[in-house]
Amino acid sequence: MSEKFDFKKFNEQLVKGPERFGYNDLTNDILSSYLNQAKYLDENGVVKYHIDFTNEESRLKNISTDISNKIQYHLNKRHYGMDHSQITEINSIRDPNGKSISESIREMYFPGTSATNLEKVLKDESSKIDTKLILGLANSSLQNYDQIITSQLLNDKIGTDVEKAKTGIRTLNESYDLLKKEKLEKQIKDGQLKDLLGMYGKLLEGARNKD
């Protein structure tokens, strides 16, 4: 028999994931990295923002480094809630290639966000770097982050238990009135775990849109 578990509370935590893990805060952090380097005063003293960063290697490096550092800060402080001594400790531990634990964690949740890699990405778009591009970068990174977090939470609470997955889906669907019961039951009746978890994720997205 499946272990009893409060799926209603668990699902509420999943739905509140973006708020719980500070997605909006990180998005603003990433955007500010660009705005701080793009801001300038024109000849009339009016505040404007650079878009063309061609031959602006120094600015691009500053933007890339700041974004990478802010993602690292997000994981250290918002995600894990570490204090200064804990951050210092994980930064001091390095693998045989010289990479710190904190860097490895960042690459796990936010692949390709080292300062060096971000600089390459921005150089390829240097003729037009605007808020749309930066927000696109942020959203893409956060989408990957959310998928990993959600997958970790589902694996932790459900594991390989198909019936628990179905119970979680039913509870989520009932709480947020997402699909007709008959349609839902037909879809999950003979579902394999992989398919059920995929459906869980889609229903979760729908619940967030309704919340």
C-alpha atoms as a PDB file:
ATOM      1  CA  MET A   1       0.000   0.000   0.000  1.00  0.00           C
ATOM      2  CA  SER A   2       1.229   3.478  -0.859  1.00  0.00           C
ATOM      3  CA  GLU A   3       2.415   5.581   2.055  1.00  0.00           C
ATOM      4  CA  LYS A   4      -0.086   8.244   3.087  1.00  0.00           C
ATOM      5  CA  PHE A   5       1.074  11.681   2.144  1.00  0.00           C
ATOM      6  CA  ASP A   6      -0.476  15.176   2.132  1.00  0.00           C
ATOM      7  CA  PHE A   7      -0.480  15.802  -1.608  1.00  0.00           C
ATOM      8  CA  LYS A   8      -2.631  18.904  -1.292  1.00  0.00           C
ATOM      9  CA  LYS A   9       0.042  20.650   0.753  1.00  0.00           C
ATOM     10  CA  PHE A  10       2.807  19.274  -1.459  1.00  0.00           C
ATOM     11  CA  ASN A  11       1.078  20.502  -4.609  1.00  0.00           C
ATOM     12  CA  GLU A  12       0.626  23.943  -3.096  1.00  0.00           C
ATOM     13  CA  GLN A  13       4.381  24.060  -2.534  1.00  0.00           C
ATOM     14  CA  LEU A  14       4.991  23.082  -6.163  1.00  0.00           C
ATOM     15  CA  VAL A  15       2.580  25.713  -7.449  1.00  0.00           C
ATOM     16  CA  LYS A  16       4.256  28.348  -5.281  1.00  0.00           C
ATOM     17  CA  GLY A  17       7.699  27.284  -6.535  1.00  0.00           C
ATOM     18  CA  PRO A  18       8.461  30.504  -8.484  1.00  0.00           C
ATOM     19  CA  GLU A  19       7.652  32.587  -5.417  1.00  0.00           C
ATOM     20  CA  ARG A  20       9.315  30.206  -2.962  1.00  0.00           C
ATOM     21  CA  PHE A  21      12.575  30.089  -4.912  1.00  0.00           C
ATOM     22  CA  GLY A  22      12.627  33.758  -5.923  1.00  0.00           C
ATOM     23  CA  TYR A  23      12.305  33.517  -9.712  1.00  0.00           C
ATOM     24  CA  ASN A  24      11.230  37.140 -10.028  1.00  0.00           C
ATOM     25  CA  ASP A  25      14.093  38.297  -7.810  1.00  0.00           C
ATOM     26  CA  LEU A  26      16.642  36.511  -9.966  1.00  0.00           C
ATOM     27  CA  THR A  27      15.079  37.854 -13.165  1.00  0.00           C
ATOM     28  CA  ASN A  28      15.420  41.395 -11.811  1.00  0.00           C
ATOM     29  CA  ASP A  29      19.007  40.666 -10.759  1.00  0.00           C
ATOM     30  CA  ILE A  30      19.922  39.503 -14.260  1.00  0.00           C
ATOM     31  CA  LEU A  31      18.197  42.463 -15.902  1.00  0.00           C
ATOM     32  CA  SER A  32      19.981  44.907 -13.586  1.00  0.00           C
ATOM     33  CA  SER A  33      23.341  43.437 -14.660  1.00  0.00           C
ATOM     34  CA  TYR A  34      22.584  44.627 -18.186  1.00  0.00           C
ATOM     35  CA  LEU A  35      20.974  47.951 -17.248  1.00  0.00           C
ATOM     36  CA  ASN A  36      23.880  48.983 -15.012  1.00  0.00           C
ATOM     37  CA  GLN A  37      26.317  48.612 -17.913  1.00  0.00           C
ATOM     38  CA  ALA A  38      23.998  49.940 -20.636  1.00  0.00           C
ATOM     39  CA  LYS A  39      22.956  53.168 -18.893  1.00  0.00           C
ATOM     40  CA  TYR A  40      24.423  56.482 -20.096  1.00  0.00           C
ATOM     41  CA  LEU A  41      23.605  60.187 -20.416  1.00  0.00           C
ATOM     42  CA  ASP A  42      23.265  61.716 -23.877  1.00  0.00           C
ATOM     43  CA  GLU A  43      24.515  65.185 -24.800  1.00  0.00           C
ATOM     44  CA  ASN A  44      21.394  66.711 -23.257  1.00  0.00           C
ATOM     45  CA  GLY A  45      21.795  64.881 -19.960  1.00  0.00           C
ATOM     46  CA  VAL A  46      18.959  62.451 -20.701  1.00  0.00           C
ATOM     47  CA  VAL A  47      19.291  58.893 -19.374  1.00  0.00           C
ATOM     48  CA  LYS A  48      19.420  56.319 -22.161  1.00  0.00           C
ATOM     49  CA  TYR A  49      20.585  52.724 -22.600  1.00  0.00           C
ATOM     50  CA  HIS A  50      23.100  51.253 -25.028  1.00  0.00           C
ATOM     51  CA  ILE A  51      21.905  48.519 -27.363  1.00  0.00           C
ATOM     52  CA  ASP A  52      24.918  48.212 -29.661  1.00  0.00           C
ATOM     53  CA  PHE A  53      27.841  46.679 -27.759  1.00  0.00           C
ATOM     54  CA  THR A  54      30.048  46.040 -30.783  1.00  0.00           C
ATOM     55  CA  ASN A  55      33.705  46.380 -29.730  1.00  0.00           C
ATOM     56  CA  GLU A  56      32.579  46.861 -26.121  1.00  0.00           C
ATOM     57  CA  GLU A  57      34.437  43.834 -24.746  1.00  0.00           C
ATOM     58  CA  SER A  58      34.893  45.361 -21.294  1.00  0.00           C
ATOM     59  CA  ARG A  59      31.170  46.079 -20.859  1.00  0.00           C
ATOM     60  CA  LEU A  60      30.218  42.635 -22.142  1.00  0.00           C
ATOM     61  CA  LYS A  61      32.627  41.018 -19.705  1.00  0.00           C
ATOM     62  CA  ASN A  62      31.196  43.068 -16.840  1.00  0.00           C
ATOM     63  CA  ILE A  63      27.626  42.080 -17.741  1.00  0.00           C
ATOM     64  CA  SER A  64      28.529  38.401 -18.064  1.00  0.00           C
ATOM     65  CA  THR A  65      30.488  38.298 -14.817  1.00  0.00           C
ATOM     66  CA  ASP A  66      27.756  40.099 -12.912  1.00  0.00           C
ATOM     67  CA  ILE A  67      25.007  37.780 -14.224  1.00  0.00           C
ATOM     68  CA  SER A  68      27.031  34.706 -13.301  1.00  0.00           C
ATOM     69  CA  ASN A  69      27.767  36.099  -9.839  1.00  0.00           C
ATOM     70  CA  LYS A  70      24.104  36.932  -9.246  1.00  0.00           C
ATOM     71  CA  ILE A  71      23.019  33.437 -10.225  1.00  0.00           C
ATOM     72  CA  GLN A  72      25.596  32.094  -7.783  1.00  0.00           C
ATOM     73  CA  TYR A  73      24.275  34.436  -5.080  1.00  0.00           C
ATOM     74  CA  HIS A  74      20.720  33.275  -5.802  1.00  0.00           C
ATOM     75  CA  LEU A  75      21.646  29.634  -5.266  1.00  0.00           C
ATOM     76  CA  ASN A  76      23.767  30.279  -2.194  1.00  0.00           C
ATOM     77  CA  LYS A  77      21.370  32.610  -0.381  1.00  0.00           C
ATOM     78  CA  ARG A  78      17.823  32.136  -1.707  1.00  0.00           C
ATOM     79  CA  HIS A  79      17.919  28.481  -2.685  1.00  0.00           C
ATOM     80  CA  TYR A  80      20.115  26.995   0.039  1.00  0.00           C
ATOM     81  CA  GLY A  81      20.008  29.819   2.611  1.00  0.00           C
ATOM     82  CA  MET A  82      23.722  29.589   3.352  1.00  0.00           C
ATOM     83  CA  ASP A  83      25.545  32.024   5.581  1.00  0.00           C
ATOM     84  CA  HIS A  84      28.913  33.646   4.835  1.00  0.00           C
ATOM     85  CA  SER A  85      30.994  30.913   6.485  1.00  0.00           C
ATOM     86  CA  GLN A  86      29.184  28.157   4.574  1.00  0.00           C
ATOM     87  CA  ILE A  87      29.651  29.977   1.268  1.00  0.00           C
ATOM     88  CA  THR A  88      33.351  30.477   2.012  1.00  0.00           C
ATOM     89  CA  GLU A  89      33.690  26.783   2.795  1.00  0.00           C
ATOM     90  CA  ILE A  90      32.099  25.465  -0.412  1.00  0.00           C
ATOM     91  CA  ASN A  91      34.076  27.992  -2.463  1.00  0.00           C
ATOM     92  CA  SER A  92      37.296  26.642  -0.943  1.00  0.00           C
ATOM     93  CA  ILE A  93      36.604  23.019  -1.920  1.00  0.00           C
ATOM     94  CA  ARG A  94      37.632  22.287  -5.500  1.00  0.00           C
ATOM     95  CA  ASP A  95      37.603  19.275  -7.782  1.00  0.00           C
ATOM     96  CA  PRO A  96      40.716  18.001  -9.620  1.00  0.00           C
ATOM     97  CA  ASN A  97      40.028  20.481 -12.429  1.00  0.00           C
ATOM     98  CA  GLY A  98      40.030  23.424 -10.031  1.00  0.00           C
ATOM     99  CA  LYS A  99      36.273  24.004 -10.126  1.00  0.00           C
ATOM    100  CA  SER A 100      34.649  24.873  -6.792  1.00  0.00           C
ATOM    101  CA  ILE A 101      31.604  23.058  -5.454  1.00  0.00           C
ATOM    102  CA  SER A 102      29.577  26.253  -5.802  1.00  0.00           C
ATOM    103  CA  GLU A 103      30.471  26.481  -9.496  1.00  0.00           C
ATOM    104  CA  SER A 104      29.454  22.858 -10.014  1.00  0.00           C
ATOM    105  CA  ILE A 105      26.122  23.506  -8.297  1.00  0.00           C
ATOM    106  CA  ARG A 106      25.521  26.556 -10.495  1.00  0.00           C
ATOM    107  CA  GLU A 107      26.219  24.532 -13.628  1.00  0.00           C
ATOM    108  CA  MET A 108      23.838  21.820 -12.445  1.00  0.00           C
ATOM    109  CA  TYR A 109      20.903  24.196 -12.021  1.00  0.00           C
ATOM    110  CA  PHE A 110      21.898  26.812 -14.606  1.00  0.00           C
ATOM    111  CA  PRO A 111      23.989  25.141 -17.337  1.00  0.00           C
ATOM    112  CA  GLY A 112      26.137  27.440 -19.448  1.00  0.00           C
ATOM    113  CA  THR A 113      26.096  30.376 -17.049  1.00  0.00           C
ATOM    114  CA  SER A 114      29.798  30.694 -16.323  1.00  0.00           C
ATOM    115  CA  ALA A 115      31.032  34.228 -16.992  1.00  0.00           C
ATOM    116  CA  THR A 116      33.137  32.941 -19.900  1.00  0.00           C
ATOM    117  CA  ASN A 117      30.232  31.199 -21.604  1.00  0.00           C
ATOM    118  CA  LEU A 118      27.820  34.100 -21.095  1.00  0.00           C
ATOM    119  CA  GLU A 119      30.371  36.470 -22.596  1.00  0.00           C
ATOM    120  CA  LYS A 120      30.544  34.302 -25.726  1.00  0.00           C
ATOM    121  CA  VAL A 121      26.745  34.325 -25.981  1.00  0.00           C
ATOM    122  CA  LEU A 122      26.574  38.106 -25.665  1.00  0.00           C
ATOM    123  CA  LYS A 123      29.422  38.672 -28.124  1.00  0.00           C
ATOM    124  CA  ASP A 124      27.423  36.775 -30.744  1.00  0.00           C
ATOM    125  CA  GLU A 125      24.562  39.240 -30.193  1.00  0.00           C
ATOM    126  CA  SER A 126      26.697  42.318 -29.506  1.00  0.00           C
ATOM    127  CA  SER A 127      25.107  44.513 -32.201  1.00  0.00           C
ATOM    128  CA  LYS A 128      21.730  44.394 -30.439  1.00  0.00           C
ATOM    129  CA  ILE A 129      21.639  43.585 -26.753  1.00  0.00           C
ATOM    130  CA  ASP A 130      18.410  44.852 -25.225  1.00  0.00           C
ATOM    131  CA  THR A 131      16.028  43.987 -22.417  1.00  0.00           C
ATOM    132  CA  LYS A 132      14.201  41.493 -24.641  1.00  0.00           C
ATOM    133  CA  LEU A 133      17.370  39.487 -25.208  1.00  0.00           C
ATOM    134  CA  ILE A 134      18.415  39.593 -21.545  1.00  0.00           C
ATOM    135  CA  LEU A 135      14.947  38.612 -20.326  1.00  0.00           C
ATOM    136  CA  GLY A 136      14.924  35.778 -22.855  1.00  0.00           C
ATOM    137  CA  LEU A 137      18.200  34.550 -21.404  1.00  0.00           C
ATOM    138  CA  ALA A 138      16.795  34.827 -17.877  1.00  0.00           C
ATOM    139  CA  ASN A 139      13.559  33.043 -18.743  1.00  0.00           C
ATOM    140  CA  SER A 140      15.374  30.209 -20.506  1.00  0.00           C
ATOM    141  CA  SER A 141      17.659  29.708 -17.508  1.00  0.00           C
ATOM    142  CA  LEU A 142      14.754  29.813 -15.056  1.00  0.00           C
ATOM    143  CA  GLN A 143      12.754  27.322 -17.097  1.00  0.00           C
ATOM    144  CA  ASN A 144      15.606  24.833 -16.824  1.00  0.00           C
ATOM    145  CA  TYR A 145      15.995  25.623 -13.107  1.00  0.00           C
ATOM    146  CA  ASP A 146      12.289  25.067 -12.500  1.00  0.00           C
ATOM    147  CA  GLN A 147      12.287  21.735 -14.327  1.00  0.00           C
ATOM    148  CA  ILE A 148      15.198  20.494 -12.225  1.00  0.00           C
ATOM    149  CA  ILE A 149      13.676  21.653  -8.924  1.00  0.00           C
ATOM    150  CA  THR A 150      10.270  20.183  -9.761  1.00  0.00           C
ATOM    151  CA  SER A 151      11.832  16.903 -10.876  1.00  0.00           C
ATOM    152  CA  GLN A 152      13.857  16.690  -7.660  1.00  0.00           C
ATOM    153  CA  LEU A 153      10.800  17.316  -5.503  1.00  0.00           C
ATOM    154  CA  LEU A 154       8.662  14.789  -7.377  1.00  0.00           C
ATOM    155  CA  ASN A 155      11.380  12.150  -7.275  1.00  0.00           C
ATOM    156  CA  ASP A 156      11.851  12.740  -3.559  1.00  0.00           C
ATOM    157  CA  LYS A 157       8.171  12.360  -2.691  1.00  0.00           C
ATOM    158  CA  ILE A 158       6.988   9.920  -5.359  1.00  0.00           C
ATOM    159  CA  GLY A 159      10.060   7.962  -6.365  1.00  0.00           C
ATOM    160  CA  THR A 160       8.951   5.104  -8.628  1.00  0.00           C
ATOM    161  CA  ASP A 161       5.478   4.718  -7.104  1.00  0.00           C
ATOM    162  CA  VAL A 162       2.988   4.974  -9.975  1.00  0.00           C
ATOM    163  CA  GLU A 163      -0.023   5.056  -7.653  1.00  0.00           C
ATOM    164  CA  LYS A 164       1.421   7.966  -5.674  1.00  0.00           C
ATOM    165  CA  ALA A 165       1.974   9.824  -8.941  1.00  0.00           C
ATOM    166  CA  LYS A 166      -1.658   9.253  -9.895  1.00  0.00           C
ATOM    167  CA  THR A 167      -2.852  10.395  -6.466  1.00  0.00           C
ATOM    168  CA  GLY A 168      -0.772  13.549  -6.744  1.00  0.00           C
ATOM    169  CA  ILE A 169      -2.161  14.281 -10.197  1.00  0.00           C
ATOM    170  CA  ARG A 170      -5.749  13.715  -9.078  1.00  0.00           C
ATOM    171  CA  THR A 171      -5.275  15.974  -6.067  1.00  0.00           C
ATOM    172  CA  LEU A 172      -3.690  18.734  -8.139  1.00  0.00           C
ATOM    173  CA  ASN A 173      -6.421  18.507 -10.753  1.00  0.00           C
ATOM    174  CA  GLU A 174      -9.181  18.634  -8.158  1.00  0.00           C
ATOM    175  CA  SER A 175      -7.639  21.581  -6.303  1.00  0.00           C
ATOM    176  CA  TYR A 176      -7.284  23.745  -9.413  1.00  0.00           C
ATOM    177  CA  ASP A 177     -10.098  22.388 -11.601  1.00  0.00           C
ATOM    178  CA  LEU A 178      -7.864  21.773 -14.607  1.00  0.00           C
ATOM    179  CA  LEU A 179      -9.389  18.816 -16.481  1.00  0.00           C
ATOM    180  CA  LYS A 180     -12.695  17.006 -16.466  1.00  0.00           C
ATOM    181  CA  LYS A 181     -12.425  14.017 -14.137  1.00  0.00           C
ATOM    182  CA  GLU A 182     -13.349  11.525 -16.859  1.00  0.00           C
ATOM    183  CA  LYS A 183     -10.713  12.892 -19.216  1.00  0.00           C
ATOM    184  CA  LEU A 184      -8.077  12.841 -16.509  1.00  0.00           C
ATOM    185  CA  GLU A 185      -8.801   9.251 -15.486  1.00  0.00           C
ATOM    186  CA  LYS A 186      -8.631   8.109 -19.097  1.00  0.00           C
ATOM    187  CA  GLN A 187      -5.193   9.721 -19.508  1.00  0.00           C
ATOM    188  CA  ILE A 188      -3.658   8.319 -16.337  1.00  0.00           C
ATOM    189  CA  LYS A 189      -5.336   4.885 -16.273  1.00  0.00           C
ATOM    190  CA  ASP A 190      -2.504   2.920 -17.881  1.00  0.00           C
ATOM    191  CA  GLY A 191       0.143   5.623 -17.698  1.00  0.00           C
ATOM    192  CA  GLN A 192       3.787   4.786 -17.165  1.00  0.00           C
ATOM    193  CA  LEU A 193       5.724   6.706 -14.524  1.00  0.00           C
ATOM    194  CA  LYS A 194       7.606   8.860 -17.056  1.00  0.00           C
ATOM    195  CA  ASP A 195       4.368   9.857 -18.779  1.00  0.00           C
ATOM    196  CA  LEU A 196       2.627  10.534 -15.473  1.00  0.00           C
ATOM    197  CA  LEU A 197       5.422  12.808 -14.273  1.00  0.00           C
ATOM    198  CA  GLY A 198       5.296  14.645 -17.579  1.00  0.00           C
ATOM    199  CA  MET A 199       1.566  15.137 -17.142  1.00  0.00           C
ATOM    200  CA  TYR A 200       2.156  16.260 -13.547  1.00  0.00           C
ATOM    201  CA  GLY A 201       4.440  18.994 -14.870  1.00  0.00           C
ATOM    202  CA  LYS A 202       1.931  20.197 -17.463  1.00  0.00           C
ATOM    203  CA  LEU A 203      -0.891  20.321 -14.907  1.00  0.00           C
ATOM    204  CA  LEU A 204       1.424  22.170 -12.553  1.00  0.00           C
ATOM    205  CA  GLU A 205       2.006  24.818 -15.192  1.00  0.00           C
ATOM    206  CA  GLY A 206      -1.745  25.138 -15.661  1.00  0.00           C
ATOM    207  CA  ALA A 207      -2.264  25.472 -11.905  1.00  0.00           C
ATOM    208  CA  ARG A 208       0.327  28.246 -11.731  1.00  0.00           C
ATOM    209  CA  ASN A 209      -1.428  30.129 -14.492  1.00  0.00           C
ATOM    210  CA  LYS A 210      -4.699  29.927 -12.550  1.00  0.00           C
ATOM    211  CA  ASP A 211      -3.198  30.707  -9.152  1.00  0.00           C
END
